[in-house]
Amino acid sequence: MPRIILPSISPDDRELAVTGQNLKYLRDVLRVSRGDEVIVLDGHGLALKTCARDIGKKQILLEVLGGCSVDTESPLHLVLIQGLLKGDRMDLVIQKATELGVREIFPVVTERSQVRFSRKLEHWKRVSEEATRQSGRLLVPVIHDVCKMKDIFDSLEDESVRIIFSESENKGCKLPSSISASFVYYMVGPEGGFTDMEVQGAKESGFISAGLGKRILRAETASIAGAVLLQFLFGDL
């Protein structure tokens, strides 16, 4: 069933007017017809089942049929702390992290970051929304403002597992067998990885240093592999 995201919906809505990019998506891409059902999400947990009642040039009117259950979210609250990447690599990470159930993404400036990030935030949010719609998720991940690593360390949830993936740890991900978690932070560096000082700072803030095997991975590959591994260990894979 087609899905769109309208952040302003409420459980009391009886009719929704769809315009802009959502209009083009439903009318021109999916070619929705009168009577077709559409799921509308607010991106924060609300899902409404609707039916296309009127399709025009400027808007589509959807009749709200009621709430609906969308059970696609992992029980794991997974947070990615990602060193800024060049070009489209950051887009790829955000897209795949969204598909893999990451709840929040913190883009961070590190000592080896070599990218300008002005005006990127809204673009990243659009990438995440598109991936949410495509993957059938209920929640749109929160893309936080770009910040420095030390600012992250001051705002961590107390009851959480914290992992920093570092290429200096080349023996795989050896986590203590006693670990169980519902809230996990994981850090992945930019091209070139983290400096020794950054890894040490993370350890002092409670992060466990872990590896992803003997082979050297691109930064974007490490971010995706980390999400898969942690969802397997603590989530729903």
C-alpha atoms as a PDB file:
ATOM      1  CA  MET A   1       0.000   0.000   0.000  1.00  0.00           C
ATOM      2  CA  PRO A   2       1.409   3.459  -0.872  1.00  0.00           C
ATOM      3  CA  ARG A   3       2.764   5.534   2.001  1.00  0.00           C
ATOM      4  CA  ILE A   4       3.396   9.237   2.403  1.00  0.00           C
ATOM      5  CA  ILE A   5       4.605  11.368   5.305  1.00  0.00           C
ATOM      6  CA  LEU A   6       2.611  14.379   6.504  1.00  0.00           C
ATOM      7  CA  PRO A   7       4.033  15.610   9.839  1.00  0.00           C
ATOM      8  CA  SER A   8       0.967  17.720  10.694  1.00  0.00           C
ATOM      9  CA  ILE A   9      -1.693  14.970  10.787  1.00  0.00           C
ATOM     10  CA  SER A  10      -3.683  14.157  13.925  1.00  0.00           C
ATOM     11  CA  PRO A  11      -5.931  11.245  15.012  1.00  0.00           C
ATOM     12  CA  ASP A  12      -8.964  13.553  14.686  1.00  0.00           C
ATOM     13  CA  ASP A  13      -8.458  14.302  10.978  1.00  0.00           C
ATOM     14  CA  ARG A  14     -11.272  13.207   8.682  1.00  0.00           C
ATOM     15  CA  GLU A  15      -9.845  14.555   5.416  1.00  0.00           C
ATOM     16  CA  LEU A  16      -6.316  15.318   4.244  1.00  0.00           C
ATOM     17  CA  ALA A  17      -5.212  17.532   1.357  1.00  0.00           C
ATOM     18  CA  VAL A  18      -2.029  16.299  -0.332  1.00  0.00           C
ATOM     19  CA  THR A  19       0.084  18.809  -2.276  1.00  0.00           C
ATOM     20  CA  GLY A  20       3.717  19.371  -3.319  1.00  0.00           C
ATOM     21  CA  GLN A  21       6.091  16.428  -3.620  1.00  0.00           C
ATOM     22  CA  ASN A  22       3.619  14.002  -2.051  1.00  0.00           C
ATOM     23  CA  LEU A  23       1.081  14.946  -4.732  1.00  0.00           C
ATOM     24  CA  LYS A  24       3.601  14.258  -7.497  1.00  0.00           C
ATOM     25  CA  TYR A  25       4.588  10.976  -5.874  1.00  0.00           C
ATOM     26  CA  LEU A  26       1.029   9.665  -5.569  1.00  0.00           C
ATOM     27  CA  ARG A  27      -0.359  11.011  -8.834  1.00  0.00           C
ATOM     28  CA  ASP A  28       2.582  10.906 -11.253  1.00  0.00           C
ATOM     29  CA  VAL A  29       4.829   8.136  -9.890  1.00  0.00           C
ATOM     30  CA  LEU A  30       2.378   5.668  -8.358  1.00  0.00           C
ATOM     31  CA  ARG A  31      -0.601   6.796 -10.476  1.00  0.00           C
ATOM     32  CA  VAL A  32      -3.000   6.479  -7.574  1.00  0.00           C
ATOM     33  CA  SER A  33      -6.631   6.314  -8.674  1.00  0.00           C
ATOM     34  CA  ARG A  34      -9.854   7.316  -6.955  1.00  0.00           C
ATOM     35  CA  GLY A  35     -10.663   4.700  -4.325  1.00  0.00           C
ATOM     36  CA  ASP A  36      -7.074   3.543  -3.811  1.00  0.00           C
ATOM     37  CA  GLU A  37      -5.930   3.250  -0.205  1.00  0.00           C
ATOM     38  CA  VAL A  38      -2.921   5.196   1.101  1.00  0.00           C
ATOM     39  CA  ILE A  39      -1.199   5.024   4.488  1.00  0.00           C
ATOM     40  CA  VAL A  40      -0.288   8.447   5.848  1.00  0.00           C
ATOM     41  CA  LEU A  41       2.395   8.728   8.548  1.00  0.00           C
ATOM     42  CA  ASP A  42       3.416  11.659  10.708  1.00  0.00           C
ATOM     43  CA  GLY A  43       6.912  10.193  11.160  1.00  0.00           C
ATOM     44  CA  HIS A  44       6.564  10.096  14.950  1.00  0.00           C
ATOM     45  CA  GLY A  45       4.354   7.049  15.449  1.00  0.00           C
ATOM     46  CA  LEU A  46       0.915   7.953  14.082  1.00  0.00           C
ATOM     47  CA  ALA A  47      -0.388   6.081  11.022  1.00  0.00           C
ATOM     48  CA  LEU A  48      -3.725   6.726   9.295  1.00  0.00           C
ATOM     49  CA  LYS A  49      -5.398   4.564   6.685  1.00  0.00           C
ATOM     50  CA  THR A  50      -6.951   6.739   3.987  1.00  0.00           C
ATOM     51  CA  CYS A  51      -8.707   6.471   0.645  1.00  0.00           C
ATOM     52  CA  ALA A  52      -8.173   8.749  -2.373  1.00  0.00           C
ATOM     53  CA  ARG A  53     -11.467  10.595  -2.847  1.00  0.00           C
ATOM     54  CA  ASP A  54     -10.598  13.298  -5.362  1.00  0.00           C
ATOM     55  CA  ILE A  55      -7.526  13.648  -7.589  1.00  0.00           C
ATOM     56  CA  GLY A  56      -6.862  17.059  -9.095  1.00  0.00           C
ATOM     57  CA  LYS A  57      -4.062  19.067 -10.635  1.00  0.00           C
ATOM     58  CA  LYS A  58      -3.247  20.957  -7.433  1.00  0.00           C
ATOM     59  CA  GLN A  59      -4.135  18.455  -4.723  1.00  0.00           C
ATOM     60  CA  ILE A  60      -5.392  15.006  -3.835  1.00  0.00           C
ATOM     61  CA  LEU A  61      -8.076  14.734  -1.174  1.00  0.00           C
ATOM     62  CA  LEU A  62      -7.776  11.699   1.067  1.00  0.00           C
ATOM     63  CA  GLU A  63     -10.636  10.462   3.221  1.00  0.00           C
ATOM     64  CA  VAL A  64      -9.405   9.157   6.582  1.00  0.00           C
ATOM     65  CA  LEU A  65     -10.742   5.668   7.244  1.00  0.00           C
ATOM     66  CA  GLY A  66      -9.119   5.316  10.665  1.00  0.00           C
ATOM     67  CA  GLY A  67      -5.894   4.535  12.431  1.00  0.00           C
ATOM     68  CA  CYS A  68      -3.779   1.560  11.435  1.00  0.00           C
ATOM     69  CA  SER A  69      -1.045  -0.501  13.022  1.00  0.00           C
ATOM     70  CA  VAL A  70       2.422  -0.480  11.459  1.00  0.00           C
ATOM     71  CA  ASP A  71       4.709  -2.986  13.197  1.00  0.00           C
ATOM     72  CA  THR A  72       8.047  -2.398  11.483  1.00  0.00           C
ATOM     73  CA  GLU A  73      10.127  -0.764  14.227  1.00  0.00           C
ATOM     74  CA  SER A  74      12.947  -2.540  16.026  1.00  0.00           C
ATOM     75  CA  PRO A  75      12.752  -2.730  19.836  1.00  0.00           C
ATOM     76  CA  LEU A  76      16.323  -1.408  19.828  1.00  0.00           C
ATOM     77  CA  HIS A  77      16.792   2.355  20.053  1.00  0.00           C
ATOM     78  CA  LEU A  78      19.894   2.575  17.869  1.00  0.00           C
ATOM     79  CA  VAL A  79      21.774   5.868  17.508  1.00  0.00           C
ATOM     80  CA  LEU A  80      24.474   6.455  14.890  1.00  0.00           C
ATOM     81  CA  ILE A  81      27.178   9.038  15.590  1.00  0.00           C
ATOM     82  CA  GLN A  82      28.703   9.558  12.156  1.00  0.00           C
ATOM     83  CA  GLY A  83      31.840  11.487  11.236  1.00  0.00           C
ATOM     84  CA  LEU A  84      31.023  13.718   8.266  1.00  0.00           C
ATOM     85  CA  LEU A  85      31.659  12.098   4.886  1.00  0.00           C
ATOM     86  CA  LYS A  86      32.355  13.551   1.458  1.00  0.00           C
ATOM     87  CA  GLY A  87      29.928  13.823  -1.433  1.00  0.00           C
ATOM     88  CA  ASP A  88      27.064  11.360  -1.649  1.00  0.00           C
ATOM     89  CA  ARG A  89      28.538   9.021   0.944  1.00  0.00           C
ATOM     90  CA  MET A  90      26.705  10.755   3.778  1.00  0.00           C
ATOM     91  CA  ASP A  91      23.449  10.382   1.839  1.00  0.00           C
ATOM     92  CA  LEU A  92      24.120   6.659   1.436  1.00  0.00           C
ATOM     93  CA  VAL A  93      24.784   6.214   5.151  1.00  0.00           C
ATOM     94  CA  ILE A  94      21.599   8.061   6.129  1.00  0.00           C
ATOM     95  CA  GLN A  95      19.532   6.113   3.614  1.00  0.00           C
ATOM     96  CA  LYS A  96      20.798   2.694   4.680  1.00  0.00           C
ATOM     97  CA  ALA A  97      20.798   3.525   8.401  1.00  0.00           C
ATOM     98  CA  THR A  98      17.138   4.485   8.050  1.00  0.00           C
ATOM     99  CA  GLU A  99      16.337   1.227   6.255  1.00  0.00           C
ATOM    100  CA  LEU A 100      18.119  -0.713   9.015  1.00  0.00           C
ATOM    101  CA  GLY A 101      16.096   0.825  11.832  1.00  0.00           C
ATOM    102  CA  VAL A 102      18.423   3.506  13.230  1.00  0.00           C
ATOM    103  CA  ARG A 103      16.361   5.956  15.329  1.00  0.00           C
ATOM    104  CA  GLU A 104      18.730   8.940  15.505  1.00  0.00           C
ATOM    105  CA  ILE A 105      21.747  10.178  13.565  1.00  0.00           C
ATOM    106  CA  PHE A 106      24.291  12.678  14.877  1.00  0.00           C
ATOM    107  CA  PRO A 107      26.551  14.072  12.105  1.00  0.00           C
ATOM    108  CA  VAL A 108      29.779  15.075  13.856  1.00  0.00           C
ATOM    109  CA  VAL A 109      32.830  17.102  12.939  1.00  0.00           C
ATOM    110  CA  THR A 110      36.026  15.175  13.653  1.00  0.00           C
ATOM    111  CA  GLU A 111      39.684  16.017  13.240  1.00  0.00           C
ATOM    112  CA  ARG A 112      39.766  14.234   9.883  1.00  0.00           C
ATOM    113  CA  SER A 113      36.459  15.516   8.516  1.00  0.00           C
ATOM    114  CA  GLN A 114      37.027  17.156   5.124  1.00  0.00           C
ATOM    115  CA  VAL A 115      33.574  18.287   4.110  1.00  0.00           C
ATOM    116  CA  ARG A 116      31.516  21.454   4.284  1.00  0.00           C
ATOM    117  CA  PHE A 117      28.118  20.870   5.802  1.00  0.00           C
ATOM    118  CA  SER A 118      26.264  24.160   5.292  1.00  0.00           C
ATOM    119  CA  ARG A 119      22.682  23.695   4.057  1.00  0.00           C
ATOM    120  CA  LYS A 120      22.999  19.905   4.237  1.00  0.00           C
ATOM    121  CA  LEU A 121      20.650  19.220   7.154  1.00  0.00           C
ATOM    122  CA  GLU A 122      17.361  19.681   5.290  1.00  0.00           C
ATOM    123  CA  HIS A 123      18.678  17.565   2.422  1.00  0.00           C
ATOM    124  CA  TRP A 124      19.624  14.752   4.820  1.00  0.00           C
ATOM    125  CA  LYS A 125      16.151  14.904   6.368  1.00  0.00           C
ATOM    126  CA  ARG A 126      14.586  14.465   2.933  1.00  0.00           C
ATOM    127  CA  VAL A 127      16.849  11.468   2.269  1.00  0.00           C
ATOM    128  CA  SER A 128      15.731   9.933   5.561  1.00  0.00           C
ATOM    129  CA  GLU A 129      12.044  10.576   4.868  1.00  0.00           C
ATOM    130  CA  GLU A 130      12.297   8.947   1.447  1.00  0.00           C
ATOM    131  CA  ALA A 131      14.050   5.910   2.948  1.00  0.00           C
ATOM    132  CA  THR A 132      11.394   5.698   5.678  1.00  0.00           C
ATOM    133  CA  ARG A 133       8.642   5.637   3.078  1.00  0.00           C
ATOM    134  CA  GLN A 134      10.445   3.109   0.882  1.00  0.00           C
ATOM    135  CA  SER A 135      11.287   0.731   3.735  1.00  0.00           C
ATOM    136  CA  GLY A 136       7.851   0.763   5.328  1.00  0.00           C
ATOM    137  CA  ARG A 137       9.000   2.189   8.642  1.00  0.00           C
ATOM    138  CA  LEU A 138       6.695   3.981  11.046  1.00  0.00           C
ATOM    139  CA  LEU A 139       9.259   6.423  12.444  1.00  0.00           C
ATOM    140  CA  VAL A 140      11.432   8.910  10.586  1.00  0.00           C
ATOM    141  CA  PRO A 141      14.888   8.986  12.207  1.00  0.00           C
ATOM    142  CA  VAL A 142      15.858  12.228  13.906  1.00  0.00           C
ATOM    143  CA  ILE A 143      18.742  13.898  12.062  1.00  0.00           C
ATOM    144  CA  HIS A 144      20.407  16.163  14.606  1.00  0.00           C
ATOM    145  CA  ASP A 145      22.309  19.354  13.894  1.00  0.00           C
ATOM    146  CA  VAL A 146      25.974  18.937  13.029  1.00  0.00           C
ATOM    147  CA  CYS A 147      28.041  19.120  16.207  1.00  0.00           C
ATOM    148  CA  LYS A 148      31.428  18.301  17.686  1.00  0.00           C
ATOM    149  CA  MET A 149      32.243  14.993  19.359  1.00  0.00           C
ATOM    150  CA  LYS A 150      32.674  16.512  22.799  1.00  0.00           C
ATOM    151  CA  ASP A 151      29.136  17.923  22.611  1.00  0.00           C
ATOM    152  CA  ILE A 152      27.790  14.401  22.036  1.00  0.00           C
ATOM    153  CA  PHE A 153      29.543  13.058  25.108  1.00  0.00           C
ATOM    154  CA  ASP A 154      27.739  15.607  27.287  1.00  0.00           C
ATOM    155  CA  SER A 155      24.267  14.472  26.181  1.00  0.00           C
ATOM    156  CA  LEU A 156      24.358  10.664  26.262  1.00  0.00           C
ATOM    157  CA  GLU A 157      21.567   8.626  27.859  1.00  0.00           C
ATOM    158  CA  ASP A 158      22.757   7.126  31.140  1.00  0.00           C
ATOM    159  CA  GLU A 159      21.364   3.616  30.605  1.00  0.00           C
ATOM    160  CA  SER A 160      22.932   2.888  27.235  1.00  0.00           C
ATOM    161  CA  VAL A 161      25.552   0.733  25.549  1.00  0.00           C
ATOM    162  CA  ARG A 162      28.193   2.782  23.719  1.00  0.00           C
ATOM    163  CA  ILE A 163      30.418   1.411  20.970  1.00  0.00           C
ATOM    164  CA  ILE A 164      33.051   3.092  18.834  1.00  0.00           C
ATOM    165  CA  PHE A 165      34.085   1.160  15.742  1.00  0.00           C
ATOM    166  CA  SER A 166      37.779   1.724  15.100  1.00  0.00           C
ATOM    167  CA  GLU A 167      39.995   0.281  12.370  1.00  0.00           C
ATOM    168  CA  SER A 168      42.727  -0.175  14.978  1.00  0.00           C
ATOM    169  CA  GLU A 169      40.541  -2.947  16.436  1.00  0.00           C
ATOM    170  CA  ASN A 170      41.043  -5.548  13.704  1.00  0.00           C
ATOM    171  CA  LYS A 171      39.896  -8.699  15.485  1.00  0.00           C
ATOM    172  CA  GLY A 172      36.179  -8.257  15.010  1.00  0.00           C
ATOM    173  CA  CYS A 173      33.495  -7.053  17.376  1.00  0.00           C
ATOM    174  CA  LYS A 174      34.279  -8.636  20.747  1.00  0.00           C
ATOM    175  CA  LEU A 175      31.622  -7.387  23.137  1.00  0.00           C
ATOM    176  CA  PRO A 176      31.241  -8.686  26.684  1.00  0.00           C
ATOM    177  CA  SER A 177      28.799 -11.627  26.694  1.00  0.00           C
ATOM    178  CA  SER A 178      26.908 -10.075  29.607  1.00  0.00           C
ATOM    179  CA  ILE A 179      25.800  -7.058  27.556  1.00  0.00           C
ATOM    180  CA  SER A 180      22.098  -6.667  26.828  1.00  0.00           C
ATOM    181  CA  ALA A 181      20.662  -3.415  25.657  1.00  0.00           C
ATOM    182  CA  SER A 182      17.626  -1.554  24.388  1.00  0.00           C
ATOM    183  CA  PHE A 183      19.496   1.724  23.767  1.00  0.00           C
ATOM    184  CA  VAL A 184      22.787   1.661  21.851  1.00  0.00           C
ATOM    185  CA  TYR A 185      25.046   4.407  20.525  1.00  0.00           C
ATOM    186  CA  TYR A 186      27.592   3.498  17.887  1.00  0.00           C
ATOM    187  CA  MET A 187      30.266   5.739  16.426  1.00  0.00           C
ATOM    188  CA  VAL A 188      31.854   5.531  12.981  1.00  0.00           C
ATOM    189  CA  GLY A 189      34.545   7.895  11.769  1.00  0.00           C
ATOM    190  CA  PRO A 190      34.990   9.778   8.487  1.00  0.00           C
ATOM    191  CA  GLU A 191      37.366   8.827   5.695  1.00  0.00           C
ATOM    192  CA  GLY A 192      40.629   8.119   7.503  1.00  0.00           C
ATOM    193  CA  GLY A 193      38.884   7.113  10.718  1.00  0.00           C
ATOM    194  CA  PHE A 194      39.187   8.550  14.205  1.00  0.00           C
ATOM    195  CA  THR A 195      42.441   9.804  15.676  1.00  0.00           C
ATOM    196  CA  ASP A 196      43.901   8.010  18.693  1.00  0.00           C
ATOM    197  CA  MET A 197      42.932  10.992  20.835  1.00  0.00           C
ATOM    198  CA  GLU A 198      39.309  10.803  19.669  1.00  0.00           C
ATOM    199  CA  VAL A 199      39.136   7.077  20.411  1.00  0.00           C
ATOM    200  CA  GLN A 200      40.584   7.695  23.854  1.00  0.00           C
ATOM    201  CA  GLY A 201      38.064  10.478  24.496  1.00  0.00           C
ATOM    202  CA  ALA A 202      35.231   8.145  23.551  1.00  0.00           C
ATOM    203  CA  LYS A 203      36.536   5.447  25.891  1.00  0.00           C
ATOM    204  CA  GLU A 204      36.663   7.963  28.724  1.00  0.00           C
ATOM    205  CA  SER A 205      32.970   8.661  28.027  1.00  0.00           C
ATOM    206  CA  GLY A 206      32.064   4.994  28.387  1.00  0.00           C
ATOM    207  CA  PHE A 207      32.440   3.751  24.811  1.00  0.00           C
ATOM    208  CA  ILE A 208      33.691   0.238  24.099  1.00  0.00           C
ATOM    209  CA  SER A 209      36.213   0.106  21.253  1.00  0.00           C
ATOM    210  CA  ALA A 210      35.298  -2.602  18.729  1.00  0.00           C
ATOM    211  CA  GLY A 211      36.291  -3.697  15.242  1.00  0.00           C
ATOM    212  CA  LEU A 212      34.518  -4.998  12.155  1.00  0.00           C
ATOM    213  CA  GLY A 213      37.018  -7.606  11.058  1.00  0.00           C
ATOM    214  CA  LYS A 214      40.492  -7.759   9.573  1.00  0.00           C
ATOM    215  CA  ARG A 215      39.640  -6.055   6.297  1.00  0.00           C
ATOM    216  CA  ILE A 216      39.686  -2.274   5.966  1.00  0.00           C
ATOM    217  CA  LEU A 217      36.175  -0.993   5.288  1.00  0.00           C
ATOM    218  CA  ARG A 218      35.110   2.265   3.724  1.00  0.00           C
ATOM    219  CA  ALA A 219      33.483   4.564   6.255  1.00  0.00           C
ATOM    220  CA  GLU A 220      30.038   4.142   4.712  1.00  0.00           C
ATOM    221  CA  THR A 221      30.419   0.346   4.677  1.00  0.00           C
ATOM    222  CA  ALA A 222      31.394   0.387   8.355  1.00  0.00           C
ATOM    223  CA  SER A 223      28.287   2.400   9.253  1.00  0.00           C
ATOM    224  CA  ILE A 224      26.015  -0.054   7.456  1.00  0.00           C
ATOM    225  CA  ALA A 225      27.815  -3.123   8.828  1.00  0.00           C
ATOM    226  CA  GLY A 226      27.633  -1.697  12.346  1.00  0.00           C
ATOM    227  CA  ALA A 227      23.870  -1.212  12.103  1.00  0.00           C
ATOM    228  CA  VAL A 228      23.360  -4.764  10.815  1.00  0.00           C
ATOM    229  CA  LEU A 229      25.552  -6.247  13.544  1.00  0.00           C
ATOM    230  CA  LEU A 230      23.882  -4.333  16.377  1.00  0.00           C
ATOM    231  CA  GLN A 231      20.366  -5.083  15.145  1.00  0.00           C
ATOM    232  CA  PHE A 232      21.382  -8.751  15.029  1.00  0.00           C
ATOM    233  CA  LEU A 233      22.791  -8.666  18.567  1.00  0.00           C
ATOM    234  CA  PHE A 234      20.165  -6.490  20.258  1.00  0.00           C
ATOM    235  CA  GLY A 235      17.355  -5.779  17.788  1.00  0.00           C
ATOM    236  CA  ASP A 236      15.133  -7.626  15.338  1.00  0.00           C
ATOM    237  CA  LEU A 237      17.442  -9.147  12.731  1.00  0.00           C
END
